[in-house]
Amino acid sequence: MARVKCVVEYDGTGYSGYQIQPNGKTVQEEIEKALTTMHKGEHIRIISSGRTDAGVHAKGQVFHFDTHLSVPENRWVRALETLMPADIYVKSAKYVPEDFHAQFDVKAKEYRYYVRASKSRDVFRRRTVFHFPRNLDIEKMEKAVKYFEGTHDFTAFCSAKTTLKGNKIRTISRAELHRNGEELEFIVQGDGFLYNMVRIMMGTLLEIGEGKKEIDTIPRALDEHNRRLAGFTTPGHGLFLWEVNY
């Protein structure tokens, strides 16, 4: 048996999320279906770096699987492309040591969230950018975003629906906000993320930009572990899992 590591990108619009679930089409299901076809009906299970929610996209999701086939690395990419829908694309595949684990070996992840801060809509970006037609103080948001950096207990920036039993301490190594024309790009990199964490961080920044919250809301929420101090949860369609580092 050999272990293969793949990097996949997908448009999450038409999926109920990444991870297989009883009801609803998922990205994992489509990938496993294609691999099973390649293995002539033998079910192939994939292990990913983590899950993404309904509507969330990925530029650099990573998964691994074990196979008894002897296929050149570049052939995996071409074969999978012919078997999967147009909104999922395996960008690369390579053989890795058998002890590699796509989930447990993760060192850091990078997410990016996109907001259209304009009165006008862009119909061609409606599935990948959150339209937020309000007046925003971008400079205030740029100052506020830096409070996310460092090691903190992010309880205030985690959905109450989480099933996590352990601590909510995470280290954010990079948090930046950039304006590109009418779009805002929120870039955040860290050693791990909680359920809806990036979307709540983005919602908090937007409320600060609107003047609904002050910049010190972020350190207060982190210190007090109070979800009510943080902002709203932005929709999933503006979020991308950008890169996974090992």
Protein backbone atom coordinates (compact mmCIF):
# COMPACT_ATOMS: atom_id res chain seq x y z
CA MET A 1 0.00 0.00 0.00
CA ALA A 2 1.09 3.57 -0.69
CA ARG A 3 -0.13 6.88 0.75
CA VAL A 4 -1.03 9.78 -1.52
CA LYS A 5 -1.33 13.42 -0.43
CA CYS A 6 -3.57 15.66 -2.54
CA VAL A 7 -4.30 19.38 -2.64
CA VAL A 8 -7.83 20.17 -3.79
CA GLU A 9 -9.76 23.35 -4.51
CA TYR A 10 -13.52 23.61 -4.69
CA ASP A 11 -16.44 25.96 -5.03
CA GLY A 12 -18.56 25.12 -2.00
CA THR A 13 -21.75 26.74 -3.30
CA GLY A 14 -23.56 23.55 -4.23
CA TYR A 15 -22.49 21.48 -1.23
CA SER A 16 -23.76 20.91 2.29
CA GLY A 17 -20.17 21.13 3.48
CA TYR A 18 -16.97 19.19 3.04
CA GLN A 19 -17.50 16.24 5.36
CA ILE A 20 -19.82 13.34 4.48
CA GLN A 21 -23.21 13.56 6.19
CA PRO A 22 -26.47 11.59 6.02
CA ASN A 23 -28.39 14.20 4.03
CA GLY A 24 -26.95 16.52 1.42
CA LYS A 25 -24.20 16.40 -1.20
CA THR A 26 -20.66 16.92 0.12
CA VAL A 27 -17.21 17.49 -1.34
CA GLN A 28 -15.72 14.47 0.43
CA GLU A 29 -18.44 12.25 -1.02
CA GLU A 30 -17.64 13.36 -4.59
CA ILE A 31 -13.90 12.78 -4.14
CA GLU A 32 -14.39 9.34 -2.59
CA LYS A 33 -16.82 8.42 -5.36
CA ALA A 34 -14.19 9.26 -8.00
CA LEU A 35 -11.45 7.33 -6.17
CA THR A 36 -13.75 4.33 -5.75
CA THR A 37 -14.36 4.32 -9.51
CA MET A 38 -10.59 4.37 -10.11
CA HIS A 39 -10.26 1.41 -7.73
CA LYS A 40 -12.97 -0.57 -9.58
CA GLY A 41 -15.58 -0.38 -6.83
CA GLU A 42 -13.34 -0.68 -3.78
CA HIS A 43 -14.34 2.11 -1.39
CA ILE A 44 -11.47 4.53 -0.74
CA ARG A 45 -11.74 6.71 2.35
CA ILE A 46 -9.95 10.05 2.43
CA ILE A 47 -8.66 11.91 5.50
CA SER A 48 -8.62 15.69 5.21
CA SER A 49 -6.95 18.53 7.11
CA GLY A 50 -10.39 19.45 8.48
CA ARG A 51 -13.93 20.21 7.45
CA THR A 52 -15.48 23.28 5.87
CA ASP A 53 -19.13 24.28 6.30
CA ALA A 54 -21.89 24.62 3.72
CA GLY A 55 -21.05 27.22 1.08
CA VAL A 56 -17.43 27.61 2.19
CA HIS A 57 -14.77 27.31 -0.52
CA ALA A 58 -11.17 26.07 -0.63
CA LYS A 59 -8.07 26.95 -2.61
CA GLY A 60 -5.79 24.58 -0.71
CA GLN A 61 -7.65 21.85 1.17
CA VAL A 62 -5.45 18.80 1.76
CA PHE A 63 -6.38 15.13 2.06
CA HIS A 64 -4.63 11.77 1.96
CA PHE A 65 -5.66 8.24 1.09
CA ASP A 66 -4.08 4.80 0.85
CA THR A 67 -3.96 2.86 -2.39
CA HIS A 68 -2.61 -0.36 -3.87
CA LEU A 69 -2.54 1.13 -7.38
CA SER A 70 0.75 2.06 -9.02
CA VAL A 71 -0.18 5.31 -10.71
CA PRO A 72 2.32 8.09 -11.59
CA GLU A 73 1.67 11.24 -9.55
CA ASN A 74 0.60 13.36 -12.53
CA ARG A 75 -1.81 10.66 -13.68
CA TRP A 76 -3.80 10.89 -10.44
CA VAL A 77 -4.59 14.53 -11.22
CA ARG A 78 -5.68 13.84 -14.80
CA ALA A 79 -7.74 10.79 -13.89
CA LEU A 80 -9.58 12.50 -11.05
CA GLU A 81 -10.36 15.52 -13.22
CA THR A 82 -12.31 13.29 -15.64
CA LEU A 83 -14.32 11.72 -12.82
CA MET A 84 -15.30 14.71 -10.70
CA PRO A 85 -17.67 17.66 -11.18
CA ALA A 86 -16.37 20.96 -12.56
CA ASP A 87 -16.54 22.68 -9.14
CA ILE A 88 -13.92 20.37 -7.59
CA TYR A 89 -10.36 20.14 -8.86
CA VAL A 90 -7.45 18.14 -7.46
CA LYS A 91 -4.47 20.44 -8.09
CA SER A 92 -1.69 18.07 -7.10
CA ALA A 93 -1.03 14.54 -5.90
CA LYS A 94 2.19 13.08 -4.55
CA TYR A 95 3.32 10.00 -2.71
CA VAL A 96 4.25 10.61 0.92
CA PRO A 97 5.56 8.47 3.79
CA GLU A 98 3.00 6.13 5.32
CA ASP A 99 3.10 8.03 8.62
CA PHE A 100 1.94 11.30 7.02
CA HIS A 101 -1.47 12.38 8.32
CA ALA A 102 -3.42 15.18 6.64
CA GLN A 103 -5.19 16.16 9.87
CA PHE A 104 -2.77 15.45 12.72
CA ASP A 105 0.36 16.78 11.00
CA VAL A 106 -1.04 20.26 10.32
CA LYS A 107 1.21 23.07 11.58
CA ALA A 108 -0.87 26.05 10.45
CA LYS A 109 -3.85 27.00 8.31
CA GLU A 110 -4.62 30.17 6.42
CA TYR A 111 -8.14 31.40 5.74
CA ARG A 112 -9.25 34.37 3.69
CA TYR A 113 -12.61 36.11 3.83
CA TYR A 114 -13.89 38.47 1.12
CA VAL A 115 -16.36 41.32 1.57
CA ARG A 116 -17.75 43.68 -1.07
CA ALA A 117 -17.98 47.01 0.77
CA SER A 118 -20.06 48.84 -1.81
CA LYS A 119 -23.65 49.91 -2.43
CA SER A 120 -23.59 48.15 -5.79
CA ARG A 121 -23.61 44.38 -6.17
CA ASP A 122 -21.33 42.30 -8.36
CA VAL A 123 -23.45 39.43 -9.72
CA PHE A 124 -20.37 37.56 -10.91
CA ARG A 125 -18.89 37.45 -7.39
CA ARG A 126 -22.11 36.80 -5.50
CA ARG A 127 -21.11 33.21 -4.59
CA THR A 128 -17.62 34.03 -3.34
CA VAL A 129 -17.89 37.49 -1.77
CA PHE A 130 -20.17 38.70 1.04
CA HIS A 131 -21.95 41.86 -0.08
CA PHE A 132 -22.03 44.35 2.82
CA PRO A 133 -23.38 47.71 1.53
CA ARG A 134 -22.57 49.86 4.58
CA ASN A 135 -20.20 52.75 5.19
CA LEU A 136 -17.08 51.42 6.90
CA ASP A 137 -14.13 53.02 8.66
CA ILE A 138 -11.43 50.86 7.11
CA GLU A 139 -8.57 52.44 9.08
CA LYS A 140 -10.34 51.56 12.31
CA MET A 141 -10.77 47.97 11.13
CA GLU A 142 -7.08 47.75 10.14
CA LYS A 143 -6.08 48.76 13.68
CA ALA A 144 -8.57 46.40 15.30
CA VAL A 145 -7.52 43.31 13.32
CA LYS A 146 -4.09 43.25 14.97
CA TYR A 147 -5.69 42.42 18.34
CA PHE A 148 -6.37 38.92 17.03
CA GLU A 149 -2.66 38.13 16.74
CA GLY A 150 -1.01 36.14 19.50
CA THR A 151 -2.10 33.29 21.74
CA HIS A 152 -5.59 33.77 23.20
CA ASP A 153 -8.62 31.89 24.43
CA PHE A 154 -11.02 32.39 21.50
CA THR A 155 -14.18 31.27 23.31
CA ALA A 156 -15.88 34.56 22.39
CA PHE A 157 -15.23 33.86 18.71
CA CYS A 158 -16.61 30.32 18.65
CA SER A 159 -20.15 29.25 17.80
CA ALA A 160 -22.26 28.06 20.72
CA LYS A 161 -23.07 25.02 18.53
CA THR A 162 -19.52 23.70 18.79
CA THR A 163 -19.04 20.14 20.01
CA LEU A 164 -15.45 20.83 21.11
CA LYS A 165 -14.79 19.59 24.64
CA GLY A 166 -11.19 20.81 25.04
CA ASN A 167 -9.75 24.27 25.53
CA LYS A 168 -10.27 27.04 23.01
CA ILE A 169 -6.76 28.49 23.12
CA ARG A 170 -5.32 29.14 19.67
CA THR A 171 -2.32 31.05 18.32
CA ILE A 172 -2.88 33.49 15.46
CA SER A 173 0.39 34.30 13.73
CA ARG A 174 -1.01 36.63 11.08
CA ALA A 175 -4.14 38.79 10.90
CA GLU A 176 -4.43 41.43 8.18
CA LEU A 177 -7.12 43.42 6.41
CA HIS A 178 -6.58 44.78 2.91
CA ARG A 179 -8.76 46.91 0.65
CA ASN A 180 -8.61 46.04 -3.05
CA GLY A 181 -10.93 48.41 -4.87
CA GLU A 182 -14.42 47.72 -3.55
CA GLU A 183 -13.42 44.47 -1.86
CA LEU A 184 -11.98 43.78 1.57
CA GLU A 185 -9.70 40.80 2.09
CA PHE A 186 -9.29 39.45 5.62
CA ILE A 187 -6.27 37.14 5.90
CA VAL A 188 -5.79 35.08 9.04
CA GLN A 189 -3.27 32.34 9.75
CA GLY A 190 -3.03 30.24 12.87
CA ASP A 191 -2.28 26.87 14.40
CA GLY A 192 -5.97 26.00 14.57
CA PHE A 193 -9.47 27.42 14.32
CA LEU A 194 -12.74 26.92 16.18
CA TYR A 195 -16.22 26.42 14.74
CA ASN A 196 -17.20 29.62 12.84
CA MET A 197 -14.18 31.43 14.32
CA VAL A 198 -13.07 33.27 11.17
CA ARG A 199 -16.64 34.25 10.29
CA ILE A 200 -17.23 35.69 13.78
CA MET A 201 -13.90 37.54 13.62
CA MET A 202 -14.98 39.05 10.29
CA GLY A 203 -18.39 40.00 11.67
CA THR A 204 -16.73 41.72 14.61
CA LEU A 205 -14.46 43.73 12.32
CA LEU A 206 -17.44 44.81 10.21
CA GLU A 207 -19.35 45.99 13.30
CA ILE A 208 -16.27 47.95 14.40
CA GLY A 209 -16.06 49.48 10.92
CA GLU A 210 -19.73 50.47 11.12
CA GLY A 211 -19.24 52.13 14.48
CA LYS A 212 -21.43 49.61 16.31
CA LYS A 213 -18.47 48.43 18.36
CA GLU A 214 -15.19 50.00 19.48
CA ILE A 215 -11.71 48.69 18.73
CA ASP A 216 -11.23 47.52 22.32
CA THR A 217 -14.17 45.14 21.85
CA ILE A 218 -11.77 42.50 20.58
CA PRO A 219 -9.37 42.40 23.57
CA ARG A 220 -12.35 42.63 25.94
CA ALA A 221 -14.10 39.71 24.27
CA LEU A 222 -10.89 37.67 24.36
CA ASP A 223 -10.28 38.45 28.03
CA GLU A 224 -13.87 37.90 29.16
CA HIS A 225 -14.58 34.87 26.92
CA ASN A 226 -17.93 36.49 26.17
CA ARG A 227 -19.56 35.57 22.84
CA ARG A 228 -22.02 38.48 23.21
CA LEU A 229 -19.20 41.00 22.99
CA ALA A 230 -18.09 39.68 19.60
CA GLY A 231 -19.88 40.41 16.33
CA PHE A 232 -22.29 38.51 14.11
CA THR A 233 -21.38 35.40 12.13
CA THR A 234 -20.86 36.31 8.48
CA PRO A 235 -22.19 33.96 5.76
CA GLY A 236 -20.09 31.02 4.65
CA HIS A 237 -19.83 31.95 0.97
CA GLY A 238 -17.21 34.68 1.57
CA LEU A 239 -14.79 32.26 3.24
CA PHE A 240 -11.91 30.31 1.68
CA LEU A 241 -9.62 27.73 3.23
CA TRP A 242 -6.56 29.14 1.49
CA GLU A 243 -3.60 27.02 2.52
CA VAL A 244 -2.59 24.25 4.89
CA ASN A 245 1.01 24.06 6.10
CA TYR A 246 2.79 20.94 7.33
